[in-house]
Amino acid sequence: MYKIGVVGPLSSIKKVRDVTDEFEHEIDFVDFPYEDAREVTDIIKKHQNAVNGWFFSGPVPYRIAKEMLDSEANFTYCPPVGSSLYRCFLQMSRDQQHFFDKISIDMIRFEDFFLQESLQELGISTEHIHVKTFDEKYNFQDIVEFHLDLWRKGEVQGVLTVLQSVYDALKQENVSVYKINMTKMEIRQAVKILIEKAKSTYFKDSQIGVEIIEIDQFDQFVDEVNIRYHLQHLELKIKQTLLSFCEKLDGSLIENGNGRYQIFSSRKEIEREIGSLRSTVQQLSLEMDVSVAVGIGFGETAASAEINARKAIRHSKKQESSGIVVIQEDGVIIESAGQEEQLAYTFRSDDKELLDKLNQANISVKTFKKIEALIDRMNWDGFTSSDLASHLSMTVRNAQRIMSGLNECGLVEYKGEELQSPRGRPRKIYMLKK
């Protein structure tokens, strides 16, 4: 059964669990209560491999977790705006028998924009509303003093807070304070999203993965070996190295001959051991003094995964540095997988206008998507043909031809020039049109 960790103060967890009981037939919820939000770091370190997702009670633990978890990890929280905020205003009006807008609110940074948006939707003037923003390293006493100072001066008639510790401290001072809590509707919606993503991730992880490892120029290497037993010992050594790696994947090794091997395993195991694969390939390359190409394919069936792996190995062998190339079931190509220079792009597009322009420029979708992915990864505002050539392992002449074609069909625009040396011709600087 899927497991979702619920993280927050005990009072918040109880509110979440009132709703999650509805989903217990399909998900197992595990409570991780804390007294101080700084405990979130240890909770995640200890338990992240035991759960399929995380539900955080508020923005503070969520922000702390975001610094630790992978961008593709399954985690969420309910933002303290929208219906949560509206409920506080209704409670204040009910308790005071009067609607007032002289209030102070504390809100974690990055949420204050949505706060302003919610207040505008309510038609509330922000003229007398005081907002205190903070980050995950907040000092709760500073926030308490902010509200108390305004309350004692008579500048506010009520306080809204997202922090339980601030709420408790202000209550002791007899301040009219209200805690911005998640509504059941918000919790229910967030849990549904978490469950769907957990199921999707499980399906993705259980896909079949095929790795094809090919030793370059193996036939030529065989011809140069004069002693038959030396060759057999070498082949045994290669197989032993790959079997040791295969054990980590809980996979199956198949020897296809002529220096080509296949490993079958699950997508989850292959992605987890991508660093170990790179080390194994480097070891083989150094021992034999030849390059080793690797292609990985993922698919819903063994056949589709193998087809993608064969495409990936062909792609890998075309590269100057035969890095690990992955082709996913959705057509996404990942070059230099597991390295800092990893580049992910697709060779498919259903954008008819884009396809027409690329056909006009005689440039493939794959080449354009690769350039687009590189610009995004490098965060370039402007780039030259030489920049493309050096990062994409192509000649400057070819890069110039591509940029000229893209410029003519309107997919890039001319931004300016840069002069490399007093005697050289200036290089054209381009930028991608959005």
Protein backbone atom coordinates (compact mmCIF):
# COMPACT_ATOMS: atom_id res chain seq x y z
CA MET A 1 0.00 0.00 0.00
CA TYR A 2 1.13 3.54 -0.72
CA LYS A 3 2.36 5.53 2.27
CA ILE A 4 1.99 9.29 2.76
CA GLY A 5 3.81 11.05 5.60
CA VAL A 6 1.81 13.78 7.38
CA VAL A 7 4.12 16.38 8.93
CA GLY A 8 3.12 19.19 11.27
CA PRO A 9 2.22 20.17 14.84
CA LEU A 10 -0.03 17.62 16.55
CA SER A 11 -3.06 19.95 16.39
CA SER A 12 -2.66 20.36 12.62
CA ILE A 13 -2.13 16.64 12.05
CA LYS A 14 -5.43 15.92 13.84
CA LYS A 15 -7.24 18.23 11.40
CA VAL A 16 -5.62 16.48 8.44
CA ARG A 17 -6.43 13.02 9.80
CA ASP A 18 -10.12 13.95 10.14
CA VAL A 19 -10.15 14.08 6.34
CA THR A 20 -7.66 11.35 5.46
CA ASP A 21 -9.85 8.69 7.12
CA GLU A 22 -11.89 8.88 3.89
CA PHE A 23 -8.92 7.50 1.91
CA GLU A 24 -7.58 4.81 4.25
CA HIS A 25 -8.78 1.98 1.99
CA GLU A 26 -6.26 3.03 -0.69
CA ILE A 27 -3.48 4.82 1.22
CA ASP A 28 -1.61 4.45 4.49
CA PHE A 29 -1.00 7.74 6.31
CA VAL A 30 1.93 7.96 8.73
CA ASP A 31 2.01 10.80 11.30
CA PHE A 32 5.23 12.73 11.95
CA PRO A 33 4.33 15.37 14.58
CA TYR A 34 6.81 18.01 15.71
CA GLU A 35 6.96 20.81 18.26
CA ASP A 36 9.43 22.94 16.33
CA ALA A 37 9.47 23.24 12.51
CA ARG A 38 13.25 22.79 12.55
CA GLU A 39 12.60 19.11 13.30
CA VAL A 40 11.35 18.67 9.72
CA THR A 41 14.91 18.24 8.42
CA ASP A 42 15.53 15.19 10.62
CA ILE A 43 12.10 13.72 9.86
CA ILE A 44 12.76 13.77 6.12
CA LYS A 45 16.31 12.41 6.45
CA LYS A 46 15.11 9.45 8.50
CA HIS A 47 11.93 8.56 6.64
CA GLN A 48 12.08 9.76 3.01
CA ASN A 49 12.72 6.23 1.69
CA ALA A 50 9.80 4.80 3.65
CA VAL A 51 7.01 6.93 2.14
CA ASN A 52 5.62 7.64 -1.35
CA GLY A 53 4.81 11.26 -0.60
CA TRP A 54 4.55 14.01 2.01
CA PHE A 55 1.69 16.19 3.22
CA PHE A 56 2.91 19.24 5.15
CA SER A 57 0.58 21.12 7.48
CA GLY A 58 1.73 24.55 6.35
CA PRO A 59 4.15 26.65 4.32
CA VAL A 60 7.01 26.61 6.86
CA PRO A 61 7.62 22.82 6.92
CA TYR A 62 6.91 22.76 3.18
CA ARG A 63 9.65 25.34 2.46
CA ILE A 64 12.13 23.50 4.65
CA ALA A 65 11.34 20.24 2.84
CA LYS A 66 11.60 21.86 -0.59
CA GLU A 67 15.29 22.58 0.07
CA MET A 68 15.90 18.88 0.73
CA LEU A 69 13.61 16.96 -1.61
CA ASP A 70 14.12 16.35 -5.30
CA SER A 71 12.08 18.58 -7.64
CA GLU A 72 10.15 15.49 -8.82
CA ALA A 73 9.34 14.32 -5.29
CA ASN A 74 5.68 13.96 -4.33
CA PHE A 75 4.92 16.56 -1.65
CA THR A 76 2.39 19.32 -1.06
CA TYR A 77 0.67 21.58 1.47
CA CYS A 78 -2.39 23.83 1.60
CA PRO A 79 -1.45 27.51 1.03
CA PRO A 80 -2.76 29.80 3.84
CA VAL A 81 -4.79 31.95 1.45
CA GLY A 82 -8.09 31.59 -0.37
CA SER A 83 -10.78 29.79 1.62
CA SER A 84 -8.51 29.46 4.71
CA LEU A 85 -8.16 33.24 4.86
CA TYR A 86 -11.83 33.88 4.08
CA ARG A 87 -12.87 31.62 6.98
CA CYS A 88 -10.77 33.72 9.40
CA PHE A 89 -12.51 36.94 8.32
CA LEU A 90 -15.91 35.27 8.81
CA GLN A 91 -14.92 34.04 12.29
CA MET A 92 -13.71 37.52 13.26
CA SER A 93 -16.93 39.12 12.05
CA ARG A 94 -19.04 36.55 13.91
CA ASP A 95 -17.12 36.91 17.17
CA GLN A 96 -16.92 40.73 17.11
CA GLN A 97 -20.40 41.28 15.64
CA HIS A 98 -18.70 43.74 13.33
CA PHE A 99 -16.49 43.58 10.25
CA PHE A 100 -13.19 45.42 10.57
CA ASP A 101 -10.17 45.68 8.36
CA LYS A 102 -7.56 47.06 10.77
CA ILE A 103 -5.61 43.85 11.20
CA SER A 104 -2.08 42.47 11.15
CA ILE A 105 -1.19 39.28 9.29
CA ASP A 106 1.97 37.19 9.26
CA MET A 107 2.76 35.19 6.16
CA ILE A 108 5.77 33.27 4.90
CA ARG A 109 7.61 35.00 2.10
CA PHE A 110 6.43 34.00 -1.41
CA GLU A 111 2.84 33.69 -0.14
CA ASP A 112 2.33 37.43 0.36
CA PHE A 113 1.53 37.97 -3.34
CA PHE A 114 -1.39 35.53 -3.10
CA LEU A 115 -2.46 37.24 0.13
CA GLN A 116 -2.81 40.54 -1.71
CA GLU A 117 -4.76 38.75 -4.44
CA SER A 118 -7.15 37.17 -1.92
CA LEU A 119 -7.76 40.50 -0.16
CA GLN A 120 -8.56 42.15 -3.49
CA GLU A 121 -11.07 39.40 -4.27
CA LEU A 122 -12.74 40.09 -0.92
CA GLY A 123 -12.85 43.78 -1.73
CA ILE A 124 -10.87 44.63 1.41
CA SER A 125 -8.69 47.74 1.36
CA THR A 126 -5.08 47.05 2.35
CA GLU A 127 -4.64 50.59 3.72
CA HIS A 128 -4.86 49.48 7.38
CA ILE A 129 -3.59 45.92 6.95
CA HIS A 130 -0.09 45.28 8.28
CA VAL A 131 1.77 42.28 6.87
CA LYS A 132 4.81 40.61 8.42
CA THR A 133 6.67 38.23 6.11
CA PHE A 134 9.29 35.73 7.21
CA ASP A 135 11.28 32.78 5.90
CA GLU A 136 11.74 29.24 7.26
CA LYS A 137 14.49 30.45 9.63
CA TYR A 138 12.09 32.76 11.44
CA ASN A 139 12.25 33.84 15.09
CA PHE A 140 8.71 33.44 16.36
CA GLN A 141 9.30 36.01 19.16
CA ASP A 142 10.02 38.72 16.54
CA ILE A 143 6.68 37.96 14.90
CA VAL A 144 4.87 38.03 18.26
CA GLU A 145 6.40 41.45 19.08
CA PHE A 146 5.35 42.77 15.66
CA HIS A 147 1.70 41.95 16.34
CA LEU A 148 1.78 42.99 20.01
CA ASP A 149 3.26 46.38 19.23
CA LEU A 150 0.47 47.17 16.72
CA TRP A 151 -2.19 45.81 19.11
CA ARG A 152 -1.01 47.90 22.07
CA LYS A 153 -0.88 51.05 19.95
CA GLY A 154 -4.46 50.45 18.87
CA GLU A 155 -3.48 50.29 15.21
CA VAL A 156 -5.10 46.87 14.72
CA GLN A 157 -8.32 45.29 15.98
CA GLY A 158 -7.30 41.70 15.30
CA VAL A 159 -4.44 39.43 14.26
CA LEU A 160 -4.26 36.57 11.72
CA THR A 161 -1.34 34.16 11.98
CA VAL A 162 -0.19 30.99 10.24
CA LEU A 163 1.99 29.92 13.19
CA GLN A 164 0.68 27.92 16.15
CA SER A 165 3.45 29.25 18.44
CA VAL A 166 2.50 32.87 17.61
CA TYR A 167 -1.19 32.09 18.13
CA ASP A 168 -0.53 30.58 21.57
CA ALA A 169 1.69 33.50 22.67
CA LEU A 170 -0.82 36.16 21.58
CA LYS A 171 -3.73 34.32 23.22
CA GLN A 172 -1.87 34.60 26.55
CA GLU A 173 -1.72 38.37 25.99
CA ASN A 174 -5.51 38.47 25.41
CA VAL A 175 -5.06 39.57 21.82
CA SER A 176 -7.94 38.94 19.42
CA VAL A 177 -5.98 36.43 17.33
CA TYR A 178 -7.11 33.86 14.76
CA LYS A 179 -5.13 30.97 13.32
CA ILE A 180 -5.26 30.54 9.54
CA ASN A 181 -6.02 26.83 9.29
CA MET A 182 -6.55 24.54 6.33
CA THR A 183 -10.16 23.83 5.41
CA LYS A 184 -11.36 20.27 4.94
CA MET A 185 -12.04 20.97 1.29
CA GLU A 186 -8.41 22.11 0.75
CA ILE A 187 -7.04 19.09 2.60
CA ARG A 188 -9.24 16.70 0.61
CA GLN A 189 -8.16 18.18 -2.73
CA ALA A 190 -4.46 18.12 -1.81
CA VAL A 191 -4.68 14.49 -0.63
CA LYS A 192 -6.36 13.43 -3.89
CA ILE A 193 -3.52 15.00 -5.88
CA LEU A 194 -0.93 13.27 -3.67
CA ILE A 195 -2.57 9.87 -4.15
CA GLU A 196 -2.78 10.24 -7.93
CA LYS A 197 0.85 11.30 -8.12
CA ALA A 198 1.92 8.40 -5.87
CA LYS A 199 0.12 5.94 -8.16
CA SER A 200 1.66 7.57 -11.22
CA THR A 201 5.15 7.41 -9.70
CA TYR A 202 4.66 3.76 -8.76
CA PHE A 203 3.62 2.95 -12.33
CA LYS A 204 6.63 4.85 -13.69
CA ASP A 205 9.07 3.16 -11.28
CA SER A 206 7.76 -0.30 -12.17
CA GLN A 207 8.37 0.20 -15.91
CA ILE A 208 10.86 -2.13 -17.55
CA GLY A 209 14.32 -0.73 -18.23
CA VAL A 210 16.94 -2.10 -20.63
CA GLU A 211 20.59 -1.10 -20.66
CA ILE A 212 22.72 -1.85 -23.70
CA ILE A 213 26.47 -1.61 -23.09
CA GLU A 214 28.68 -1.76 -26.18
CA ILE A 215 32.49 -1.79 -26.27
CA ASP A 216 33.68 0.25 -29.24
CA GLN A 217 35.74 -1.43 -31.98
CA PHE A 218 35.55 -4.79 -30.20
CA ASP A 219 36.15 -6.73 -33.43
CA GLN A 220 39.35 -4.80 -34.09
CA PHE A 221 40.39 -5.39 -30.49
CA VAL A 222 39.86 -9.15 -30.93
CA ASP A 223 42.03 -9.18 -34.08
CA GLU A 224 44.89 -7.60 -32.14
CA VAL A 225 44.83 -10.29 -29.43
CA ASN A 226 47.07 -13.18 -30.52
CA ILE A 227 46.53 -15.53 -27.58
CA ARG A 228 43.05 -17.10 -27.49
CA TYR A 229 43.11 -17.63 -23.71
CA HIS A 230 43.99 -13.98 -23.16
CA LEU A 231 40.82 -12.99 -25.00
CA GLN A 232 38.69 -15.42 -22.98
CA HIS A 233 40.14 -14.14 -19.72
CA LEU A 234 39.35 -10.60 -20.86
CA GLU A 235 35.76 -11.49 -21.72
CA LEU A 236 35.35 -13.17 -18.34
CA LYS A 237 36.69 -10.06 -16.61
CA ILE A 238 34.21 -7.85 -18.49
CA LYS A 239 31.35 -10.19 -17.60
CA GLN A 240 32.41 -10.29 -13.94
CA THR A 241 32.48 -6.46 -13.78
CA LEU A 242 29.01 -6.25 -15.33
CA LEU A 243 27.61 -9.01 -13.12
CA SER A 244 28.76 -7.13 -10.00
CA PHE A 245 26.89 -4.08 -11.27
CA CYS A 246 23.90 -6.22 -12.28
CA GLU A 247 23.55 -7.46 -8.69
CA LYS A 248 22.97 -3.87 -7.52
CA LEU A 249 20.08 -3.58 -9.98
CA ASP A 250 18.64 -7.00 -9.16
CA GLY A 251 18.71 -7.36 -12.94
CA SER A 252 19.47 -9.97 -15.62
CA LEU A 253 22.60 -9.88 -17.81
CA ILE A 254 22.56 -11.13 -21.39
CA GLU A 255 25.73 -11.44 -23.49
CA ASN A 256 25.04 -10.76 -27.18
CA GLY A 257 28.61 -11.24 -28.40
CA ASN A 258 31.05 -8.88 -30.12
CA GLY A 259 31.37 -6.72 -27.03
CA ARG A 260 27.64 -6.03 -26.62
CA TYR A 261 25.74 -6.76 -23.40
CA GLN A 262 22.16 -6.15 -22.23
CA ILE A 263 20.85 -5.73 -18.70
CA PHE A 264 17.13 -5.96 -17.87
CA SER A 265 15.80 -4.38 -14.67
CA SER A 266 13.16 -1.92 -13.44
CA ARG A 267 13.23 1.79 -14.17
CA LYS A 268 13.44 2.63 -10.46
CA GLU A 269 16.57 0.51 -9.94
CA ILE A 270 18.28 1.78 -13.09
CA GLU A 271 17.67 5.44 -12.23
CA ARG A 272 18.85 4.85 -8.66
CA GLU A 273 22.13 3.26 -9.81
CA ILE A 274 22.96 5.61 -12.70
CA GLY A 275 26.08 6.82 -10.87
CA SER A 276 27.25 3.24 -10.32
CA LEU A 277 26.70 2.50 -14.03
CA ARG A 278 28.86 5.47 -14.97
CA SER A 279 31.65 4.21 -12.69
CA THR A 280 31.39 0.70 -14.16
CA VAL A 281 31.61 2.03 -17.72
CA GLN A 282 34.63 4.19 -16.85
CA GLN A 283 36.31 1.14 -15.33
CA LEU A 284 35.76 -0.93 -18.50
CA SER A 285 36.93 1.92 -20.71
CA LEU A 286 40.19 2.35 -18.74
CA GLU A 287 40.93 -1.37 -18.59
CA MET A 288 40.47 -1.87 -22.34
CA ASP A 289 41.63 1.57 -23.46
CA VAL A 290 38.58 1.97 -25.70
CA SER A 291 35.36 3.97 -25.47
CA VAL A 292 32.22 2.28 -24.14
CA ALA A 293 28.76 3.42 -25.27
CA VAL A 294 25.63 3.00 -23.14
CA GLY A 295 22.01 3.26 -24.21
CA ILE A 296 19.09 2.93 -21.79
CA GLY A 297 15.46 2.47 -22.80
CA PHE A 298 12.30 2.58 -20.68
CA GLY A 299 8.94 1.19 -21.68
CA GLU A 300 5.73 -0.46 -20.53
CA THR A 301 6.85 -3.74 -22.09
CA ALA A 302 10.23 -5.42 -22.52
CA ALA A 303 9.92 -5.02 -26.30
CA SER A 304 9.28 -1.24 -26.20
CA ALA A 305 12.06 -0.74 -23.62
CA GLU A 306 14.52 -2.66 -25.81
CA ILE A 307 13.57 -0.67 -28.91
CA ASN A 308 14.22 2.56 -27.00
CA ALA A 309 17.53 1.17 -25.70
CA ARG A 310 18.65 0.37 -29.26
CA LYS A 311 17.78 3.92 -30.36
CA ALA A 312 19.67 5.25 -27.34
CA ILE A 313 22.85 3.23 -28.06
CA ARG A 314 22.87 4.48 -31.66
CA HIS A 315 22.52 8.01 -30.38
CA SER A 316 25.30 7.48 -27.83
CA LYS A 317 27.73 6.17 -30.46
CA LYS A 318 27.22 9.29 -32.58
CA GLN A 319 28.41 11.52 -29.74
CA GLU A 320 32.08 12.48 -29.45
CA SER A 321 32.11 11.55 -25.76
CA SER A 322 30.05 8.37 -25.56
CA GLY A 323 28.07 9.32 -22.45
CA ILE A 324 25.00 7.54 -21.14
CA VAL A 325 21.94 8.23 -23.29
CA VAL A 326 18.39 7.46 -22.09
CA ILE A 327 15.23 7.34 -24.17
CA GLN A 328 12.00 7.32 -22.15
CA GLU A 329 8.63 5.87 -23.11
CA ASP A 330 7.32 9.38 -23.92
CA GLY A 331 10.09 10.06 -26.44
CA VAL A 332 12.25 12.25 -24.19
CA ILE A 333 15.99 11.86 -24.83
CA ILE A 334 18.41 12.40 -21.94
CA GLU A 335 22.06 12.91 -22.87
CA SER A 336 24.90 12.62 -20.35
CA ALA A 337 22.42 11.10 -17.88
CA GLY A 338 23.34 11.55 -14.24
CA GLN A 339 25.95 14.24 -14.92
CA GLU A 340 25.91 18.01 -14.38
CA GLU A 341 25.73 18.59 -18.14
CA GLN A 342 22.66 16.34 -18.45
CA LEU A 343 20.40 17.53 -21.26
CA ALA A 344 16.78 16.39 -21.70
CA TYR A 345 14.71 17.09 -24.79
CA THR A 346 12.16 15.43 -27.06
CA PHE A 347 12.28 14.56 -30.74
CA ARG A 348 8.50 14.86 -31.11
CA SER A 349 6.16 17.82 -31.55
CA ASP A 350 2.50 18.25 -32.50
CA ASP A 351 2.89 22.00 -33.07
CA LYS A 352 2.05 22.33 -36.77
CA GLU A 353 3.26 25.91 -37.00
CA LEU A 354 6.63 24.96 -35.49
CA LEU A 355 6.96 21.93 -37.79
CA ASP A 356 6.24 24.07 -40.86
CA LYS A 357 8.91 26.59 -39.87
CA LEU A 358 11.48 23.86 -39.18
CA ASN A 359 10.73 22.19 -42.52
CA GLN A 360 11.22 25.56 -44.18
CA ALA A 361 14.63 25.88 -42.48
CA ASN A 362 15.48 22.19 -43.18
CA ILE A 363 16.15 21.58 -39.45
CA SER A 364 14.86 18.57 -37.51
CA VAL A 365 12.57 18.84 -34.48
CA LYS A 366 15.18 16.92 -32.52
CA THR A 367 17.90 19.49 -33.26
CA PHE A 368 15.64 22.43 -32.38
CA LYS A 369 14.42 20.83 -29.12
CA LYS A 370 18.02 20.05 -28.18
CA ILE A 371 19.03 23.70 -28.72
CA GLU A 372 15.97 24.85 -26.76
CA ALA A 373 16.87 22.54 -23.84
CA LEU A 374 20.50 23.73 -23.83
CA ILE A 375 19.49 27.41 -23.75
CA ASP A 376 17.12 26.68 -20.86
CA ARG A 377 19.76 24.72 -18.91
CA MET A 378 22.46 27.36 -19.45
CA ASN A 379 19.98 30.19 -18.78
CA TRP A 380 21.30 32.13 -21.78
CA ASP A 381 19.81 35.53 -22.63
CA GLY A 382 21.92 35.58 -25.77
CA PHE A 383 24.24 33.08 -27.45
CA THR A 384 26.46 32.69 -30.51
CA SER A 385 26.92 29.90 -33.04
CA SER A 386 30.24 29.13 -31.35
CA ASP A 387 28.44 28.65 -28.01
CA LEU A 388 26.16 26.06 -29.61
CA ALA A 389 29.03 24.33 -31.40
CA SER A 390 31.09 23.91 -28.22
CA HIS A 391 28.22 22.57 -26.12
CA LEU A 392 26.56 20.36 -28.75
CA SER A 393 29.73 18.82 -30.25
CA MET A 394 29.18 20.18 -33.76
CA THR A 395 31.26 22.32 -36.09
CA VAL A 396 30.93 26.09 -35.98
CA ARG A 397 29.99 26.01 -39.68
CA ASN A 398 27.09 23.64 -38.97
CA ALA A 399 25.95 25.75 -36.01
CA GLN A 400 26.03 28.88 -38.20
CA ARG A 401 23.92 27.12 -40.84
CA ILE A 402 21.36 26.10 -38.21
CA MET A 403 21.17 29.58 -36.69
CA SER A 404 20.83 31.18 -40.11
CA GLY A 405 17.90 28.87 -40.90
CA LEU A 406 16.21 29.46 -37.56
CA ASN A 407 16.63 33.20 -38.00
CA GLU A 408 15.08 33.16 -41.47
CA CYS A 409 12.03 31.18 -40.32
CA GLY A 410 11.54 33.45 -37.29
CA LEU A 411 12.35 31.03 -34.45
CA VAL A 412 15.36 33.04 -33.26
CA GLU A 413 16.13 36.72 -33.57
CA TYR A 414 19.32 38.70 -34.04
CA LYS A 415 20.24 40.45 -30.78
CA GLY A 416 23.64 42.04 -31.45
CA GLU A 417 27.32 41.28 -31.99
CA GLU A 418 30.43 40.62 -29.95
CA LEU A 419 34.01 41.25 -31.03
CA GLN A 420 36.40 38.52 -29.94
CA SER A 421 39.59 40.21 -31.19
CA PRO A 422 40.48 43.50 -32.94
CA ARG A 423 41.18 41.71 -36.24
CA GLY A 424 38.48 39.06 -36.20
CA ARG A 425 34.95 39.34 -37.53
CA PRO A 426 32.31 40.05 -34.88
CA ARG A 427 30.12 37.12 -33.83
CA LYS A 428 26.36 37.39 -34.13
CA ILE A 429 24.42 37.07 -30.89
CA TYR A 430 21.00 35.42 -31.09
CA MET A 431 18.11 34.87 -28.72
CA LEU A 432 15.30 32.35 -28.89
CA LYS A 433 11.87 33.77 -29.64
CA LYS A 434 9.29 32.83 -27.01
